């Protein structure tokens, strides 16, 4: 089995400012207490370690690995697969790949947690440039060349691009549309695109290893939002996170409503943890889903109480309370308006799924945020700051 082929390189990244400071003491992944003051140089041919957390990826793993080894990159590439306790044929596929490709290393991740998987893979990695990839993401041929060029030219410690969601089934295609639209996920650049520049976080990421080690790696208590949280700590230490829209990574969305709902519920729940641990990091975009969820819940309850009052007592207050139904009605009308607009460019079968997809993403994210228990922040081992 071979995963090599010739491909065309992506265009070079635009030049930007100099190398920033990166410091913060480590607290978990590596053991070097010294704090650096500038980002070390990176060349266009430095070897790259690709790290991939893997759990129940039978459907996409082989394709994801193939896209790594068809990279048009002049330096060496190694791949470390961190295997969680999968319930499908993922481990067997990974072992076949490793047996056929000497550049693949397998490490165990018994917890199944993504940050623990990435930390374990980084420990096993040999190189100073670390590229994070997911088991259901597909790198374009020039991804590593473009990413290392951007690291070199900007002095950033982490670069990333667009999470280019693409679906296969009509449901996945509806999710992909929502994930790349401001109506689905807000105006985050790594979802919807934009100009190159400094950002809070990026999708996946190609890092200078030193920047990860200086902040102690990924916090292994996080089930979601681990990228945002670690990038926040890197930025607190003066590291530059850079968005490069030329880096487009194909992402395969969840295949069912239940899977999508669970994903976005966890997104909301753990984004609340980040907000509690790092006060001041929340903004209106993050508050929109919980605000909508709360308004709809309260409006529906008020409307039901008003209807009950009209049936039993009558009077002015039940009439006013029934106005609470305006909240879910207005939200539903907004979702249908967005769907009608999107339907001009979507197939009917895809457009039919869109209202369900949008409501699932918004309300599950909002519910997760609103119900996120304080015990989650108490469970985190490292102090903030």
Protein backbone atom coordinates (compact mmCIF):
# COMPACT_ATOMS: atom_id res chain seq x y z
CA UNK A 1 0.00 0.00 0.00
CA UNK A 2 1.38 3.45 -0.89
CA UNK A 3 0.08 6.90 -0.03
CA UNK A 4 2.49 8.88 -2.23
CA UNK A 5 1.76 10.81 -5.44
CA UNK A 6 2.80 14.01 -7.24
CA UNK A 7 0.63 17.12 -6.68
CA UNK A 8 0.75 20.87 -7.46
CA UNK A 9 1.77 23.26 -4.66
CA UNK A 10 -0.40 26.02 -3.25
CA UNK A 11 0.50 29.69 -3.69
CA UNK A 12 2.88 31.20 -1.10
CA UNK A 13 1.47 33.08 1.87
CA UNK A 14 1.60 36.89 2.02
CA UNK A 15 4.44 38.43 4.03
CA UNK A 16 3.57 40.03 7.36
CA UNK A 17 5.32 41.35 10.47
CA UNK A 18 8.23 39.96 12.47
CA UNK A 19 8.55 37.21 15.04
CA UNK A 20 6.61 37.76 18.25
CA UNK A 21 7.36 36.72 21.77
CA UNK A 22 6.05 33.31 22.80
CA UNK A 23 6.61 32.66 26.55
CA UNK A 24 4.66 30.97 29.35
CA UNK A 25 5.92 28.31 31.69
CA UNK A 26 5.07 24.75 30.75
CA UNK A 27 2.79 22.72 33.00
CA UNK A 28 2.28 19.32 31.49
CA UNK A 29 3.52 18.32 28.05
CA UNK A 30 7.23 19.15 28.12
CA UNK A 31 9.62 19.79 30.94
CA UNK A 32 11.58 22.91 29.92
CA UNK A 33 10.98 25.80 32.31
CA UNK A 34 12.89 28.39 30.29
CA UNK A 35 10.80 31.00 28.50
CA UNK A 36 11.85 32.06 25.03
CA UNK A 37 11.57 35.64 23.86
CA UNK A 38 11.31 35.21 20.10
CA UNK A 39 9.94 32.62 17.72
CA UNK A 40 12.81 30.48 16.35
CA UNK A 41 13.34 30.48 12.59
CA UNK A 42 11.48 27.99 10.42
CA UNK A 43 12.61 27.03 6.92
CA UNK A 44 10.49 25.98 3.97
CA UNK A 45 11.93 22.44 4.11
CA UNK A 46 11.87 21.66 7.85
CA UNK A 47 10.48 18.20 8.62
CA UNK A 48 6.88 18.07 9.83
CA UNK A 49 5.20 15.79 12.36
CA UNK A 50 1.50 15.33 11.64
CA UNK A 51 -0.48 14.32 14.73
CA UNK A 52 -3.96 12.81 14.42
CA UNK A 53 -6.35 11.85 17.24
CA UNK A 54 -8.36 8.85 16.06
CA UNK A 55 -11.61 7.47 17.49
CA UNK A 56 -14.30 5.63 15.52
CA UNK A 57 -12.97 6.89 12.19
CA UNK A 58 -13.45 3.71 10.17
CA UNK A 59 -15.36 5.64 7.53
CA UNK A 60 -12.66 8.26 6.76
CA UNK A 61 -9.30 7.25 8.25
CA UNK A 62 -7.68 5.71 5.17
CA UNK A 63 -8.72 8.67 3.02
CA UNK A 64 -7.44 11.17 5.60
CA UNK A 65 -4.06 9.42 5.76
CA UNK A 66 -3.78 9.29 1.98
CA UNK A 67 -4.28 13.06 1.81
CA UNK A 68 -1.37 13.54 4.21
CA UNK A 69 1.09 11.51 2.16
CA UNK A 70 0.21 13.10 -1.18
CA UNK A 71 1.40 16.46 0.13
CA UNK A 72 3.64 18.39 -2.24
CA UNK A 73 6.10 19.24 0.52
CA UNK A 74 9.90 19.20 0.08
CA UNK A 75 10.69 18.19 3.68
CA UNK A 76 10.16 14.96 5.57
CA UNK A 77 6.71 14.05 6.86
CA UNK A 78 5.86 11.64 9.64
CA UNK A 79 2.38 10.78 10.93
CA UNK A 80 1.51 9.81 14.50
CA UNK A 81 -1.92 8.25 14.99
CA UNK A 82 -3.18 8.40 18.59
CA UNK A 83 -5.70 5.56 18.84
CA UNK A 84 -8.60 5.86 21.24
CA UNK A 85 -10.93 3.01 22.29
CA UNK A 86 -12.81 2.78 18.99
CA UNK A 87 -15.86 0.55 18.67
CA UNK A 88 -15.55 0.00 14.93
CA UNK A 89 -12.75 -1.20 12.66
CA UNK A 90 -10.56 1.90 13.10
CA UNK A 91 -7.70 0.13 14.91
CA UNK A 92 -7.43 -2.60 12.29
CA UNK A 93 -7.28 -0.01 9.51
CA UNK A 94 -4.63 1.97 11.42
CA UNK A 95 -2.47 -1.13 11.91
CA UNK A 96 -2.67 -1.99 8.22
CA UNK A 97 -1.62 1.54 7.33
CA UNK A 98 1.31 1.47 9.79
CA UNK A 99 2.47 -1.92 8.50
CA UNK A 100 2.54 -0.61 4.93
CA UNK A 101 3.99 2.86 5.62
CA UNK A 102 7.14 3.23 7.73
CA UNK A 103 6.47 6.93 8.37
CA UNK A 104 3.38 6.10 10.45
CA UNK A 105 3.65 5.61 14.23
CA UNK A 106 0.83 4.38 16.46
CA UNK A 107 0.38 5.50 20.06
CA UNK A 108 -2.34 4.60 22.57
CA UNK A 109 -4.91 7.04 23.91
CA UNK A 110 -6.90 4.97 26.43
CA UNK A 111 -8.99 7.94 27.61
CA UNK A 112 -10.35 8.65 24.14
CA UNK A 113 -10.09 12.39 24.82
CA UNK A 114 -8.87 14.54 21.93
CA UNK A 115 -6.42 16.72 23.92
CA UNK A 116 -4.88 13.65 25.57
CA UNK A 117 -4.50 12.07 22.13
CA UNK A 118 -2.74 15.12 20.70
CA UNK A 119 -0.41 15.42 23.69
CA UNK A 120 0.54 11.73 23.41
CA UNK A 121 1.17 12.10 19.68
CA UNK A 122 3.33 15.21 20.20
CA UNK A 123 5.43 13.35 22.77
CA UNK A 124 6.08 10.65 20.17
CA UNK A 125 6.78 13.16 17.39
CA UNK A 126 10.38 13.81 16.30
CA UNK A 127 10.10 17.19 14.57
CA UNK A 128 9.77 20.85 15.55
CA UNK A 129 6.82 21.64 13.31
CA UNK A 130 3.58 20.02 14.48
CA UNK A 131 0.54 19.81 12.19
CA UNK A 132 -2.70 18.77 13.84
CA UNK A 133 -5.12 16.84 11.64
CA UNK A 134 -8.41 15.10 12.46
CA UNK A 135 -9.36 11.63 11.32
CA UNK A 136 -12.29 12.97 9.29
CA UNK A 137 -10.51 15.93 7.68
CA UNK A 138 -8.86 15.90 4.25
CA UNK A 139 -5.78 18.05 3.63
CA UNK A 140 -5.47 19.63 0.16
CA UNK A 141 -2.20 18.79 -1.68
CA UNK A 142 -0.36 22.05 -0.91
CA UNK A 143 -1.49 22.41 2.71
CA UNK A 144 1.80 21.76 4.51
CA UNK A 145 3.85 23.79 2.02
CA UNK A 146 1.51 26.76 2.42
CA UNK A 147 1.35 26.42 6.20
CA UNK A 148 5.12 26.25 6.72
CA UNK A 149 5.57 29.18 4.32
CA UNK A 150 3.11 31.18 6.42
CA UNK A 151 4.92 30.28 9.64
CA UNK A 152 8.18 31.38 8.04
CA UNK A 153 6.95 34.66 6.60
CA UNK A 154 4.70 35.89 9.42
CA UNK A 155 6.65 34.77 12.50
CA UNK A 156 3.44 33.19 13.80
CA UNK A 157 3.56 30.23 16.18
CA UNK A 158 0.35 28.68 14.84
CA UNK A 159 -1.32 29.04 11.46
CA UNK A 160 -4.55 27.60 10.13
CA UNK A 161 -7.24 28.19 7.59
CA UNK A 162 -10.79 27.34 6.66
CA UNK A 163 -12.82 24.40 7.92
CA UNK A 164 -14.31 23.67 4.49
CA UNK A 165 -17.25 21.46 5.41
CA UNK A 166 -18.39 19.21 2.57
CA UNK A 167 -21.16 16.66 2.85
CA UNK A 168 -21.95 13.46 1.00
CA UNK A 169 -25.57 12.78 1.99
CA UNK A 170 -28.29 15.47 1.75
CA UNK A 171 -28.21 15.82 5.55
CA UNK A 172 -24.43 16.30 5.59
CA UNK A 173 -24.68 18.83 2.77
CA UNK A 174 -27.22 20.81 4.79
CA UNK A 175 -24.86 20.73 7.79
CA UNK A 176 -21.98 21.81 5.54
CA UNK A 177 -23.98 24.80 4.30
CA UNK A 178 -24.83 25.81 7.87
CA UNK A 179 -21.23 25.38 9.06
CA UNK A 180 -19.93 27.71 6.36
CA UNK A 181 -22.63 30.37 6.75
CA UNK A 182 -22.91 33.24 9.25
CA UNK A 183 -26.52 32.12 9.79
CA UNK A 184 -25.26 28.81 11.14
CA UNK A 185 -22.06 29.54 13.07
CA UNK A 186 -21.67 33.32 13.12
CA UNK A 187 -18.84 35.27 11.52
CA UNK A 188 -15.85 33.17 12.58
CA UNK A 189 -13.24 33.42 9.82
CA UNK A 190 -12.18 29.79 9.93
CA UNK A 191 -15.79 28.85 9.10
CA UNK A 192 -16.83 31.55 6.67
CA UNK A 193 -13.52 32.89 5.28
CA UNK A 194 -11.95 36.32 5.26
CA UNK A 195 -8.62 38.07 4.83
CA UNK A 196 -5.31 36.81 6.30
CA UNK A 197 -4.39 38.15 9.69
CA UNK A 198 -4.08 37.64 13.43
CA UNK A 199 -7.01 35.81 15.06
CA UNK A 200 -8.00 34.24 18.38
CA UNK A 201 -7.94 30.69 17.07
CA UNK A 202 -7.79 28.65 13.86
CA UNK A 203 -9.03 25.31 12.63
CA UNK A 204 -6.60 22.45 13.36
CA UNK A 205 -3.31 24.39 13.22
CA UNK A 206 0.31 23.99 12.16
CA UNK A 207 2.46 24.93 15.16
CA UNK A 208 5.98 25.63 16.20
CA UNK A 209 6.39 22.81 18.71
CA UNK A 210 8.03 25.13 21.18
CA UNK A 211 4.87 27.23 21.46
CA UNK A 212 2.83 24.19 22.48
CA UNK A 213 5.40 23.01 25.00
CA UNK A 214 5.82 26.46 26.59
CA UNK A 215 2.16 26.46 27.67
CA UNK A 216 2.13 22.84 28.80
CA UNK A 217 0.25 21.45 25.80
CA UNK A 218 -3.46 20.86 25.49
CA UNK A 219 -5.50 20.78 28.69
CA UNK A 220 -6.59 17.15 28.88
CA UNK A 221 -9.71 17.88 30.92
CA UNK A 222 -11.44 19.58 27.98
CA UNK A 223 -13.81 17.50 25.86
CA UNK A 224 -14.35 20.36 23.38
CA UNK A 225 -12.91 23.86 22.80
CA UNK A 226 -9.42 22.53 23.55
CA UNK A 227 -7.99 24.35 20.52
CA UNK A 228 -9.48 27.72 21.50
CA UNK A 229 -8.35 27.32 25.10
CA UNK A 230 -4.73 26.46 24.29
CA UNK A 231 -4.49 29.16 21.62
CA UNK A 232 -5.72 31.63 24.24
CA UNK A 233 -2.84 30.64 26.53
CA UNK A 234 -0.40 30.93 23.64
CA UNK A 235 -1.67 34.44 22.86
CA UNK A 236 -1.42 35.42 26.52
CA UNK A 237 2.28 34.59 26.27
CA UNK A 238 2.72 36.82 23.22
CA UNK A 239 2.36 34.16 20.50
CA UNK A 240 0.81 35.12 17.17
CA UNK A 241 -2.04 32.97 15.80
CA UNK A 242 -2.45 33.58 12.07
CA UNK A 243 -5.40 32.89 9.78
CA UNK A 244 -4.45 31.99 6.19
CA UNK A 245 -7.55 31.50 3.98
CA UNK A 246 -5.51 29.65 1.36
CA UNK A 247 -5.43 26.73 3.81
CA UNK A 248 -8.74 24.99 3.11
CA UNK A 249 -9.24 21.63 4.80
CA UNK A 250 -12.16 19.47 3.77
CA UNK A 251 -14.22 18.45 6.81
CA UNK A 252 -16.88 15.72 6.82
CA UNK A 253 -19.85 16.73 9.02
CA UNK A 254 -21.79 14.42 11.33
CA UNK A 255 -24.13 12.02 9.56
CA UNK A 256 -27.21 12.24 11.82
CA UNK A 257 -29.30 14.73 13.79
CA UNK A 258 -28.36 12.96 17.03
CA UNK A 259 -24.65 13.17 16.25
CA UNK A 260 -24.90 16.84 15.28
CA UNK A 261 -26.91 17.68 18.39
CA UNK A 262 -24.40 15.97 20.68
CA UNK A 263 -21.50 17.74 18.95
CA UNK A 264 -23.01 21.22 19.33
CA UNK A 265 -24.26 20.57 22.86
CA UNK A 266 -20.66 19.79 23.84
CA UNK A 267 -19.41 22.86 21.96
CA UNK A 268 -21.71 25.10 24.00
CA UNK A 269 -21.01 23.34 27.28
CA UNK A 270 -17.23 23.64 26.98
CA UNK A 271 -17.26 27.16 25.57
CA UNK A 272 -18.92 28.15 28.84
CA UNK A 273 -16.05 26.46 30.69
CA UNK A 274 -13.55 28.52 28.70
CA UNK A 275 -15.50 31.69 29.52
CA UNK A 276 -15.43 30.88 33.23
CA UNK A 277 -11.75 29.97 33.27
CA UNK A 278 -10.70 32.94 31.13
CA UNK A 279 -13.03 35.85 32.01
CA UNK A 280 -13.45 38.44 29.30
CA UNK A 281 -13.13 36.00 26.39
CA UNK A 282 -16.86 35.79 25.64
CA UNK A 283 -18.53 38.02 23.04
CA UNK A 284 -21.95 38.60 21.49
CA UNK A 285 -21.44 35.90 18.86
CA UNK A 286 -21.09 33.28 21.58
CA UNK A 287 -24.05 34.67 23.52
CA UNK A 288 -26.46 34.55 20.56
CA UNK A 289 -27.33 30.81 20.78
CA UNK A 290 -27.92 30.75 24.56
CA UNK A 291 -29.84 34.01 24.33
CA UNK A 292 -32.06 32.59 21.60
CA UNK A 293 -32.55 29.33 23.48
CA UNK A 294 -33.46 31.13 26.69
CA UNK A 295 -35.88 33.50 24.94
CA UNK A 296 -37.62 30.64 23.16
CA UNK A 297 -37.88 28.56 26.34
CA UNK A 298 -39.25 31.39 28.45
CA UNK A 299 -41.55 32.56 25.67
CA UNK A 300 -42.98 29.07 25.16
CA UNK A 301 -43.55 28.57 28.90
CA UNK A 302 -45.23 31.98 29.17
CA UNK A 303 -47.40 31.20 26.17
CA UNK A 304 -48.52 27.87 27.63
CA UNK A 305 -49.31 29.53 30.97
CA UNK A 306 -51.30 32.19 29.12
CA UNK A 307 -53.34 29.61 27.25
CA UNK A 308 -54.06 27.79 30.51
CA UNK A 309 -55.12 31.08 32.09
CA UNK A 310 -57.49 31.88 29.23
CA UNK A 311 -59.14 28.48 29.61
CA UNK A 312 -59.60 28.81 33.38
CA UNK A 313 -59.75 32.42 34.55
CA UNK A 314 -59.56 34.83 31.64
CA UNK A 315 -58.46 38.40 32.07
CA UNK A 316 -55.64 40.56 30.73
CA UNK A 317 -52.57 38.69 32.04
CA UNK A 318 -53.26 35.47 30.13
CA UNK A 319 -53.60 37.45 26.93
CA UNK A 320 -50.27 39.16 27.58
CA UNK A 321 -48.61 35.88 28.54
CA UNK A 322 -49.61 34.23 25.26
CA UNK A 323 -47.50 36.87 23.51
CA UNK A 324 -44.57 34.80 24.70
CA UNK A 325 -45.23 32.52 21.73
CA UNK A 326 -43.81 35.37 19.61
CA UNK A 327 -40.28 34.26 20.52
CA UNK A 328 -40.43 30.75 19.01
CA UNK A 329 -42.61 31.97 16.16
CA UNK A 330 -40.12 34.71 15.21
CA UNK A 331 -37.21 32.29 15.47
CA UNK A 332 -39.01 29.75 13.30
CA UNK A 333 -39.85 32.42 10.75
CA UNK A 334 -36.20 33.49 10.67
CA UNK A 335 -35.01 29.93 10.09
CA UNK A 336 -37.53 29.46 7.29
CA UNK A 337 -36.46 32.76 5.70
CA UNK A 338 -32.82 31.66 5.74
CA UNK A 339 -33.86 28.30 4.28
CA UNK A 340 -35.84 29.97 1.51
CA UNK A 341 -32.85 32.08 0.60
CA UNK A 342 -30.47 29.11 0.68
CA UNK A 343 -32.87 26.95 -1.34
CA UNK A 344 -31.99 28.96 -4.45
CA UNK A 345 -28.59 27.27 -4.50
CA UNK A 346 -29.36 23.95 -2.81
CA UNK A 347 -31.04 20.82 -4.09
CA UNK A 348 -34.57 20.31 -2.65
CA UNK A 349 -33.49 17.32 -0.57
CA UNK A 350 -30.72 19.37 1.04
CA UNK A 351 -32.89 22.43 1.63
CA UNK A 352 -35.51 20.25 3.32
CA UNK A 353 -32.98 19.34 6.02
CA UNK A 354 -31.76 22.89 6.60
CA UNK A 355 -34.38 24.09 9.16
CA UNK A 356 -33.73 21.01 11.29
CA UNK A 357 -29.98 21.44 10.99
CA UNK A 358 -30.01 25.14 11.92
CA UNK A 359 -32.33 24.62 14.88
CA UNK A 360 -30.25 21.68 16.11
CA UNK A 361 -27.00 23.64 15.93
CA UNK A 362 -28.39 26.79 17.55
CA UNK A 363 -30.50 25.24 20.31
CA UNK A 364 -28.13 22.43 21.27
CA UNK A 365 -25.20 24.88 21.46
CA UNK A 366 -27.36 27.25 23.53
CA UNK A 367 -28.62 24.49 25.84
CA UNK A 368 -25.10 23.22 26.39
CA UNK A 369 -23.91 26.73 27.29
CA UNK A 370 -26.83 27.41 29.65
CA UNK A 371 -26.61 24.06 31.45
CA UNK A 372 -22.81 23.82 31.67
CA UNK A 373 -22.16 22.90 35.33
CA UNK A 374 -19.58 24.73 37.43
CA UNK A 375 -18.03 21.42 38.43
CA UNK A 376 -16.43 21.26 34.97
CA UNK A 377 -14.30 24.33 35.65
CA UNK A 378 -13.47 22.97 39.11
CA UNK A 379 -12.21 19.75 37.50
CA UNK A 380 -9.58 21.54 35.45
CA UNK A 381 -6.18 20.91 36.91
CA UNK A 382 -4.18 23.92 35.76
CA UNK A 383 -4.89 27.37 37.17
CA UNK A 384 -5.96 30.10 34.78
CA UNK A 385 -3.57 32.80 33.61
